[in-house]
PDB file of N, CA and C in Angstrom:
ATOM      1  N   UNK A   1     -57.707 -42.009  40.005  1.00  0.00           N
ATOM      2  CA  UNK A   1     -58.137 -42.037  38.947  1.00  0.00           C
ATOM      3  C   UNK A   1     -59.539 -42.871  38.938  1.00  0.00           C
ATOM      4  N   UNK A   2     -60.517 -42.372  38.273  1.00  0.00           N
ATOM      5  CA  UNK A   2     -61.287 -44.069  38.244  1.00  0.00           C
ATOM      6  C   UNK A   2     -61.342 -44.263  36.818  1.00  0.00           C
ATOM      7  N   UNK A   3     -61.221 -45.815  36.503  1.00  0.00           N
ATOM      8  CA  UNK A   3     -61.442 -46.231  35.976  1.00  0.00           C
ATOM      9  C   UNK A   3     -62.673 -46.274  35.492  1.00  0.00           C
ATOM     10  N   UNK A   4     -63.191 -46.339  34.044  1.00  0.00           N
ATOM     11  CA  UNK A   4     -64.867 -46.951  33.384  1.00  0.00           C
ATOM     12  C   UNK A   4     -64.742 -48.155  33.397  1.00  0.00           C
ATOM     13  N   UNK A   5     -66.289 -48.125  33.640  1.00  0.00           N
ATOM     14  CA  UNK A   5     -66.729 -49.872  34.435  1.00  0.00           C
ATOM     15  C   UNK A   5     -66.493 -50.423  32.651  1.00  0.00           C
ATOM     16  N   UNK A   6     -66.398 -51.765  32.479  1.00  0.00           N
ATOM     17  CA  UNK A   6     -66.872 -52.354  31.454  1.00  0.00           C
ATOM     18  C   UNK A   6     -67.782 -51.470  30.546  1.00  0.00           C
ATOM     19  N   UNK A   7     -68.861 -51.586  31.203  1.00  0.00           N
ATOM     20  CA  UNK A   7     -70.246 -51.061  30.003  1.00  0.00           C
ATOM     21  C   UNK A   7     -70.113 -49.903  29.895  1.00  0.00           C
ATOM     22  N   UNK A   8     -69.450 -48.691  30.667  1.00  0.00           N
ATOM     23  CA  UNK A   8     -68.809 -47.475  30.251  1.00  0.00           C
ATOM     24  C   UNK A   8     -67.595 -47.695  28.955  1.00  0.00           C
ATOM     25  N   UNK A   9     -66.714 -48.511  29.333  1.00  0.00           N
ATOM     26  CA  UNK A   9     -66.000 -48.616  28.286  1.00  0.00           C
ATOM     27  C   UNK A   9     -66.543 -48.906  26.642  1.00  0.00           C
ATOM     28  N   UNK A  10     -68.130 -49.925  26.520  1.00  0.00           N
ATOM     29  CA  UNK A  10     -68.358 -50.076  25.706  1.00  0.00           C
ATOM     30  C   UNK A  10     -68.811 -49.047  25.190  1.00  0.00           C
ATOM     31  N   UNK A  11     -69.153 -48.527  25.829  1.00  0.00           N
ATOM     32  CA  UNK A  11     -70.436 -46.641  25.333  1.00  0.00           C
ATOM     33  C   UNK A  11     -69.374 -45.773  24.848  1.00  0.00           C
ATOM     34  N   UNK A  12     -67.973 -45.806  25.338  1.00  0.00           N
ATOM     35  CA  UNK A  12     -66.928 -45.009  24.471  1.00  0.00           C
ATOM     36  C   UNK A  12     -66.697 -45.628  23.297  1.00  0.00           C
ATOM     37  N   UNK A  13     -66.020 -46.657  23.116  1.00  0.00           N
ATOM     38  CA  UNK A  13     -66.109 -47.417  21.531  1.00  0.00           C
ATOM     39  C   UNK A  13     -67.090 -47.376  21.224  1.00  0.00           C
ATOM     40  N   UNK A  14     -68.387 -47.129  21.265  1.00  0.00           N
ATOM     41  CA  UNK A  14     -69.378 -47.190  20.418  1.00  0.00           C
ATOM     42  C   UNK A  14     -69.668 -45.786  19.994  1.00  0.00           C
ATOM     43  N   UNK A  15     -69.166 -44.683  20.800  1.00  0.00           N
ATOM     44  CA  UNK A  15     -69.515 -43.336  20.623  1.00  0.00           C
ATOM     45  C   UNK A  15     -68.232 -42.657  19.670  1.00  0.00           C
ATOM     46  N   UNK A  16     -66.770 -43.873  20.031  1.00  0.00           N
ATOM     47  CA  UNK A  16     -65.814 -43.315  18.592  1.00  0.00           C
ATOM     48  C   UNK A  16     -66.300 -43.659  17.678  1.00  0.00           C
ATOM     49  N   UNK A  17     -66.987 -44.692  17.541  1.00  0.00           N
ATOM     50  CA  UNK A  17     -67.151 -45.643  15.621  1.00  0.00           C
ATOM     51  C   UNK A  17     -68.244 -44.772  15.532  1.00  0.00           C
ATOM     52  N   UNK A  18     -69.314 -44.600  16.171  1.00  0.00           N
ATOM     53  CA  UNK A  18     -70.205 -43.381  15.916  1.00  0.00           C
ATOM     54  C   UNK A  18     -69.794 -41.660  14.638  1.00  0.00           C
ATOM     55  N   UNK A  19     -68.450 -41.425  15.637  1.00  0.00           N
ATOM     56  CA  UNK A  19     -68.262 -40.418  15.867  1.00  0.00           C
ATOM     57  C   UNK A  19     -66.900 -40.607  14.487  1.00  0.00           C
ATOM     58  N   UNK A  20     -66.100 -41.497  14.261  1.00  0.00           N
ATOM     59  CA  UNK A  20     -65.633 -41.827  12.874  1.00  0.00           C
ATOM     60  C   UNK A  20     -65.917 -41.683  11.811  1.00  0.00           C
ATOM     61  N   UNK A  21     -67.607 -42.466  11.693  1.00  0.00           N
ATOM     62  CA  UNK A  21     -68.277 -42.838  10.752  1.00  0.00           C
ATOM     63  C   UNK A  21     -68.815 -41.016  10.230  1.00  0.00           C
ATOM     64  N   UNK A  22     -69.086 -40.566  10.773  1.00  0.00           N
ATOM     65  CA  UNK A  22     -69.814 -38.834  11.086  1.00  0.00           C
ATOM     66  C   UNK A  22     -69.083 -38.440  10.308  1.00  0.00           C
ATOM     67  N   UNK A  23     -67.619 -38.437  11.484  1.00  0.00           N
ATOM     68  CA  UNK A  23     -66.023 -37.409  10.271  1.00  0.00           C
ATOM     69  C   UNK A  23     -66.002 -37.985   9.086  1.00  0.00           C
ATOM     70  N   UNK A  24     -66.384 -39.313   8.994  1.00  0.00           N
ATOM     71  CA  UNK A  24     -65.356 -39.647   7.282  1.00  0.00           C
ATOM     72  C   UNK A  24     -66.821 -38.890   6.774  1.00  0.00           C
ATOM     73  N   UNK A  25     -68.157 -39.347   7.078  1.00  0.00           N
ATOM     74  CA  UNK A  25     -69.000 -38.834   5.947  1.00  0.00           C
ATOM     75  C   UNK A  25     -68.901 -37.438   5.989  1.00  0.00           C
ATOM     76  N   UNK A  26     -68.317 -36.199   6.895  1.00  0.00           N
ATOM     77  CA  UNK A  26     -68.252 -34.841   6.793  1.00  0.00           C
ATOM     78  C   UNK A  26     -67.357 -34.657   5.314  1.00  0.00           C
ATOM     79  N   UNK A  27     -66.675 -35.326   5.932  1.00  0.00           N
ATOM     80  CA  UNK A  27     -64.983 -35.579   4.918  1.00  0.00           C
ATOM     81  C   UNK A  27     -65.500 -35.214   3.408  1.00  0.00           C
ATOM     82  N   UNK A  28     -66.217 -36.992   3.183  1.00  0.00           N
ATOM     83  CA  UNK A  28     -66.269 -37.135   1.824  1.00  0.00           C
ATOM     84  C   UNK A  28     -67.167 -35.703   1.460  1.00  0.00           C
ATOM     85  N   UNK A  29     -68.043 -35.359   2.157  1.00  0.00           N
ATOM     86  CA  UNK A  29     -69.364 -34.360   1.516  1.00  0.00           C
ATOM     87  C   UNK A  29     -68.869 -33.085   1.214  1.00  0.00           C
ATOM     88  N   UNK A  30     -67.656 -32.613   2.242  1.00  0.00           N
ATOM     89  CA  UNK A  30     -66.750 -31.450   1.802  1.00  0.00           C
ATOM     90  C   UNK A  30     -65.985 -32.046   0.641  1.00  0.00           C
ATOM     91  N   UNK A  31     -65.399 -33.282   0.121  1.00  0.00           N
ATOM     92  CA  UNK A  31     -64.267 -33.300  -0.825  1.00  0.00           C
ATOM     93  C   UNK A  31     -65.542 -33.181  -2.419  1.00  0.00           C
ATOM     94  N   UNK A  32     -66.627 -33.570  -1.800  1.00  0.00           N
ATOM     95  CA  UNK A  32     -67.463 -33.719  -3.312  1.00  0.00           C
ATOM     96  C   UNK A  32     -67.963 -31.969  -3.707  1.00  0.00           C
ATOM     97  N   UNK A  33     -67.630 -31.318  -2.731  1.00  0.00           N
ATOM     98  CA  UNK A  33     -68.101 -30.019  -3.114  1.00  0.00           C
ATOM     99  C   UNK A  33     -66.912 -29.374  -3.658  1.00  0.00           C
ATOM    100  N   UNK A  34     -65.957 -30.077  -3.786  1.00  0.00           N
ATOM    101  CA  UNK A  34     -64.553 -29.047  -4.774  1.00  0.00           C
ATOM    102  C   UNK A  34     -64.441 -29.636  -5.862  1.00  0.00           C
ATOM    103  N   UNK A  35     -64.094 -28.156  -6.239  1.00  0.00           N
ATOM    104  CA  UNK A  35     -64.215 -28.676  -8.128  1.00  0.00           C
ATOM    105  C   UNK A  35     -62.944 -29.331  -8.570  1.00  0.00           C
ATOM    106  N   UNK A  36     -63.202 -29.709  -9.739  1.00  0.00           N
ATOM    107  CA  UNK A  36     -61.880 -30.813 -10.129  1.00  0.00           C
ATOM    108  C   UNK A  36     -60.940 -29.755 -10.769  1.00  0.00           C
ATOM    109  N   UNK A  37     -59.521 -29.909 -10.341  1.00  0.00           N
ATOM    110  CA  UNK A  37     -58.910 -28.674 -11.141  1.00  0.00           C
ATOM    111  C   UNK A  37     -57.132 -29.393 -11.782  1.00  0.00           C
ATOM    112  N   UNK A  38     -57.605 -29.155 -13.186  1.00  0.00           N
ATOM    113  CA  UNK A  38     -56.870 -30.334 -13.792  1.00  0.00           C
ATOM    114  C   UNK A  38     -55.385 -30.041 -13.543  1.00  0.00           C
ATOM    115  N   UNK A  39     -54.794 -28.938 -13.580  1.00  0.00           N
ATOM    116  CA  UNK A  39     -53.871 -28.037 -13.356  1.00  0.00           C
ATOM    117  C   UNK A  39     -52.963 -28.828 -12.064  1.00  0.00           C
ATOM    118  N   UNK A  40     -54.072 -29.034 -10.788  1.00  0.00           N
ATOM    119  CA  UNK A  40     -53.255 -29.321  -9.692  1.00  0.00           C
ATOM    120  C   UNK A  40     -53.032 -30.807 -10.151  1.00  0.00           C
ATOM    121  N   UNK A  41     -53.630 -31.949 -10.762  1.00  0.00           N
ATOM    122  CA  UNK A  41     -53.988 -33.114 -11.320  1.00  0.00           C
ATOM    123  C   UNK A  41     -52.417 -33.478 -11.666  1.00  0.00           C
ATOM    124  N   UNK A  42     -52.093 -32.305 -12.861  1.00  0.00           N
ATOM    125  CA  UNK A  42     -51.091 -32.962 -14.041  1.00  0.00           C
ATOM    126  C   UNK A  42     -50.082 -32.417 -12.904  1.00  0.00           C
ATOM    127  N   UNK A  43     -49.700 -31.503 -12.069  1.00  0.00           N
ATOM    128  CA  UNK A  43     -48.984 -31.135 -11.574  1.00  0.00           C
ATOM    129  C   UNK A  43     -48.507 -32.492 -10.615  1.00  0.00           C
ATOM    130  N   UNK A  44     -49.418 -32.980 -10.009  1.00  0.00           N
ATOM    131  CA  UNK A  44     -49.352 -34.853  -8.918  1.00  0.00           C
ATOM    132  C   UNK A  44     -49.094 -35.748  -9.694  1.00  0.00           C
ATOM    133  N   UNK A  45     -49.574 -35.606 -10.853  1.00  0.00           N
ATOM    134  CA  UNK A  45     -49.193 -37.205 -12.128  1.00  0.00           C
ATOM    135  C   UNK A  45     -47.359 -36.948 -12.106  1.00  0.00           C
ATOM    136  N   UNK A  46     -47.125 -35.929 -13.003  1.00  0.00           N
ATOM    137  CA  UNK A  46     -45.950 -35.538 -12.865  1.00  0.00           C
ATOM    138  C   UNK A  46     -44.984 -35.828 -11.891  1.00  0.00           C
ATOM    139  N   UNK A  47     -45.437 -35.471 -10.650  1.00  0.00           N
ATOM    140  CA  UNK A  47     -44.484 -35.518 -10.063  1.00  0.00           C
ATOM    141  C   UNK A  47     -43.905 -37.336  -9.407  1.00  0.00           C
ATOM    142  N   UNK A  48     -45.057 -37.872 -10.134  1.00  0.00           N
ATOM    143  CA  UNK A  48     -44.984 -39.692  -9.501  1.00  0.00           C
ATOM    144  C   UNK A  48     -43.971 -39.620 -10.609  1.00  0.00           C
ATOM    145  N   UNK A  49     -44.090 -39.292 -12.149  1.00  0.00           N
ATOM    146  CA  UNK A  49     -43.655 -39.738 -13.651  1.00  0.00           C
ATOM    147  C   UNK A  49     -42.579 -39.397 -13.244  1.00  0.00           C
ATOM    148  N   UNK A  50     -42.248 -38.366 -12.675  1.00  0.00           N
ATOM    149  CA  UNK A  50     -40.862 -37.756 -12.089  1.00  0.00           C
ATOM    150  C   UNK A  50     -39.882 -38.759 -11.125  1.00  0.00           C
ATOM    151  N   UNK A  51     -40.502 -39.069 -10.229  1.00  0.00           N
ATOM    152  CA  UNK A  51     -40.006 -40.292  -9.279  1.00  0.00           C
ATOM    153  C   UNK A  51     -39.768 -41.042  -9.685  1.00  0.00           C
ATOM    154  N   UNK A  52     -40.673 -41.848 -10.245  1.00  0.00           N
ATOM    155  CA  UNK A  52     -40.785 -42.833 -10.942  1.00  0.00           C
ATOM    156  C   UNK A  52     -39.342 -43.396 -12.082  1.00  0.00           C
ATOM    157  N   UNK A  53     -38.886 -42.510 -12.556  1.00  0.00           N
ATOM    158  CA  UNK A  53     -38.049 -42.529 -13.764  1.00  0.00           C
ATOM    159  C   UNK A  53     -36.359 -42.191 -12.596  1.00  0.00           C
ATOM    160  N   UNK A  54     -36.548 -41.822 -11.676  1.00  0.00           N
ATOM    161  CA  UNK A  54     -35.376 -41.654 -11.095  1.00  0.00           C
ATOM    162  C   UNK A  54     -34.956 -42.936 -10.103  1.00  0.00           C
ATOM    163  N   UNK A  55     -36.063 -42.977  -9.474  1.00  0.00           N
ATOM    164  CA  UNK A  55     -35.344 -44.312  -8.483  1.00  0.00           C
ATOM    165  C   UNK A  55     -36.511 -45.796  -9.494  1.00  0.00           C
ATOM    166  N   UNK A  56     -36.253 -46.201 -10.166  1.00  0.00           N
ATOM    167  CA  UNK A  56     -37.009 -47.228 -10.843  1.00  0.00           C
ATOM    168  C   UNK A  56     -36.561 -48.706 -10.058  1.00  0.00           C
ATOM    169  N   UNK A  57     -37.303 -49.269 -10.044  1.00  0.00           N
ATOM    170  CA  UNK A  57     -37.378 -50.400  -8.898  1.00  0.00           C
ATOM    171  C   UNK A  57     -36.745 -51.651  -9.864  1.00  0.00           C
ATOM    172  N   UNK A  58     -36.255 -52.483  -9.200  1.00  0.00           N
ATOM    173  CA  UNK A  58     -35.648 -53.776  -9.966  1.00  0.00           C
ATOM    174  C   UNK A  58     -37.099 -54.769  -9.231  1.00  0.00           C
ATOM    175  N   UNK A  59     -37.492 -54.403  -7.899  1.00  0.00           N
ATOM    176  CA  UNK A  59     -38.337 -55.533  -7.225  1.00  0.00           C
ATOM    177  C   UNK A  59     -39.470 -54.840  -6.546  1.00  0.00           C
ATOM    178  N   UNK A  60     -40.248 -55.998  -5.509  1.00  0.00           N
ATOM    179  CA  UNK A  60     -41.106 -55.293  -5.225  1.00  0.00           C
ATOM    180  C   UNK A  60     -41.021 -54.222  -4.146  1.00  0.00           C
ATOM    181  N   UNK A  61     -40.019 -54.664  -3.418  1.00  0.00           N
ATOM    182  CA  UNK A  61     -39.299 -54.289  -2.214  1.00  0.00           C
ATOM    183  C   UNK A  61     -40.314 -55.133  -1.150  1.00  0.00           C
ATOM    184  N   UNK A  62     -40.907 -56.231  -1.167  1.00  0.00           N
ATOM    185  CA  UNK A  62     -40.927 -57.100  -0.181  1.00  0.00           C
ATOM    186  C   UNK A  62     -39.940 -57.564   0.587  1.00  0.00           C
ATOM    187  N   UNK A  63     -38.138 -57.904  -0.412  1.00  0.00           N
ATOM    188  CA  UNK A  63     -37.459 -58.467   0.583  1.00  0.00           C
ATOM    189  C   UNK A  63     -36.484 -57.190   1.507  1.00  0.00           C
ATOM    190  N   UNK A  64     -36.520 -56.566   1.266  1.00  0.00           N
ATOM    191  CA  UNK A  64     -35.957 -55.045   1.933  1.00  0.00           C
ATOM    192  C   UNK A  64     -37.053 -55.231   3.629  1.00  0.00           C
ATOM    193  N   UNK A  65     -38.420 -55.135   2.915  1.00  0.00           N
ATOM    194  CA  UNK A  65     -39.175 -55.212   4.197  1.00  0.00           C
ATOM    195  C   UNK A  65     -39.230 -56.250   5.046  1.00  0.00           C
ATOM    196  N   UNK A  66     -39.221 -57.265   4.304  1.00  0.00           N
ATOM    197  CA  UNK A  66     -38.543 -58.503   5.129  1.00  0.00           C
ATOM    198  C   UNK A  66     -37.225 -58.313   5.780  1.00  0.00           C
ATOM    199  N   UNK A  67     -36.324 -57.577   5.953  1.00  0.00           N
ATOM    200  CA  UNK A  67     -34.986 -57.547   6.390  1.00  0.00           C
ATOM    201  C   UNK A  67     -35.593 -56.354   7.335  1.00  0.00           C
ATOM    202  N   UNK A  68     -35.910 -55.816   7.471  1.00  0.00           N
ATOM    203  CA  UNK A  68     -36.419 -54.391   7.945  1.00  0.00           C
ATOM    204  C   UNK A  68     -37.385 -54.935   9.366  1.00  0.00           C
ATOM    205  N   UNK A  69     -38.117 -55.778   8.897  1.00  0.00           N
ATOM    206  CA  UNK A  69     -39.293 -56.835  10.294  1.00  0.00           C
ATOM    207  C   UNK A  69     -38.343 -57.638  10.939  1.00  0.00           C
ATOM    208  N   UNK A  70     -37.153 -58.536   9.982  1.00  0.00           N
ATOM    209  CA  UNK A  70     -35.813 -59.101  10.913  1.00  0.00           C
ATOM    210  C   UNK A  70     -35.535 -58.782  11.650  1.00  0.00           C
ATOM    211  N   UNK A  71     -34.930 -57.151  11.449  1.00  0.00           N
ATOM    212  CA  UNK A  71     -34.064 -56.449  12.260  1.00  0.00           C
ATOM    213  C   UNK A  71     -34.832 -56.021  13.875  1.00  0.00           C
ATOM    214  N   UNK A  72     -36.083 -55.719  13.236  1.00  0.00           N
ATOM    215  CA  UNK A  72     -37.063 -55.703  14.571  1.00  0.00           C
ATOM    216  C   UNK A  72     -37.352 -56.308  15.541  1.00  0.00           C
ATOM    217  N   UNK A  73     -37.365 -57.608  14.771  1.00  0.00           N
ATOM    218  CA  UNK A  73     -37.511 -58.809  15.476  1.00  0.00           C
ATOM    219  C   UNK A  73     -36.752 -59.007  16.549  1.00  0.00           C
ATOM    220  N   UNK A  74     -35.121 -59.047  15.921  1.00  0.00           N
ATOM    221  CA  UNK A  74     -33.721 -59.013  16.474  1.00  0.00           C
ATOM    222  C   UNK A  74     -33.531 -58.351  18.055  1.00  0.00           C
ATOM    223  N   UNK A  75     -34.003 -57.271  18.117  1.00  0.00           N
ATOM    224  CA  UNK A  75     -34.129 -55.826  18.922  1.00  0.00           C
ATOM    225  C   UNK A  75     -34.924 -56.537  20.194  1.00  0.00           C
TER     226      UNK A  75
END
């Protein structure tokens, strides 16, 4: 398998960046054309409210995240 040269790698990266920007632009354009549906938004917000009521937190979760990082670091 032939490995690309440094210049070819730069061109590939540049192409990926341009493609990513274009895909993002197309996605934003497609989303702008969608009608706003109040019923869908109300349903999503009520799900968040229901979840927050059941699983109220006493902390931000940073301590638990640090605990997970330490577990991963020890392995």
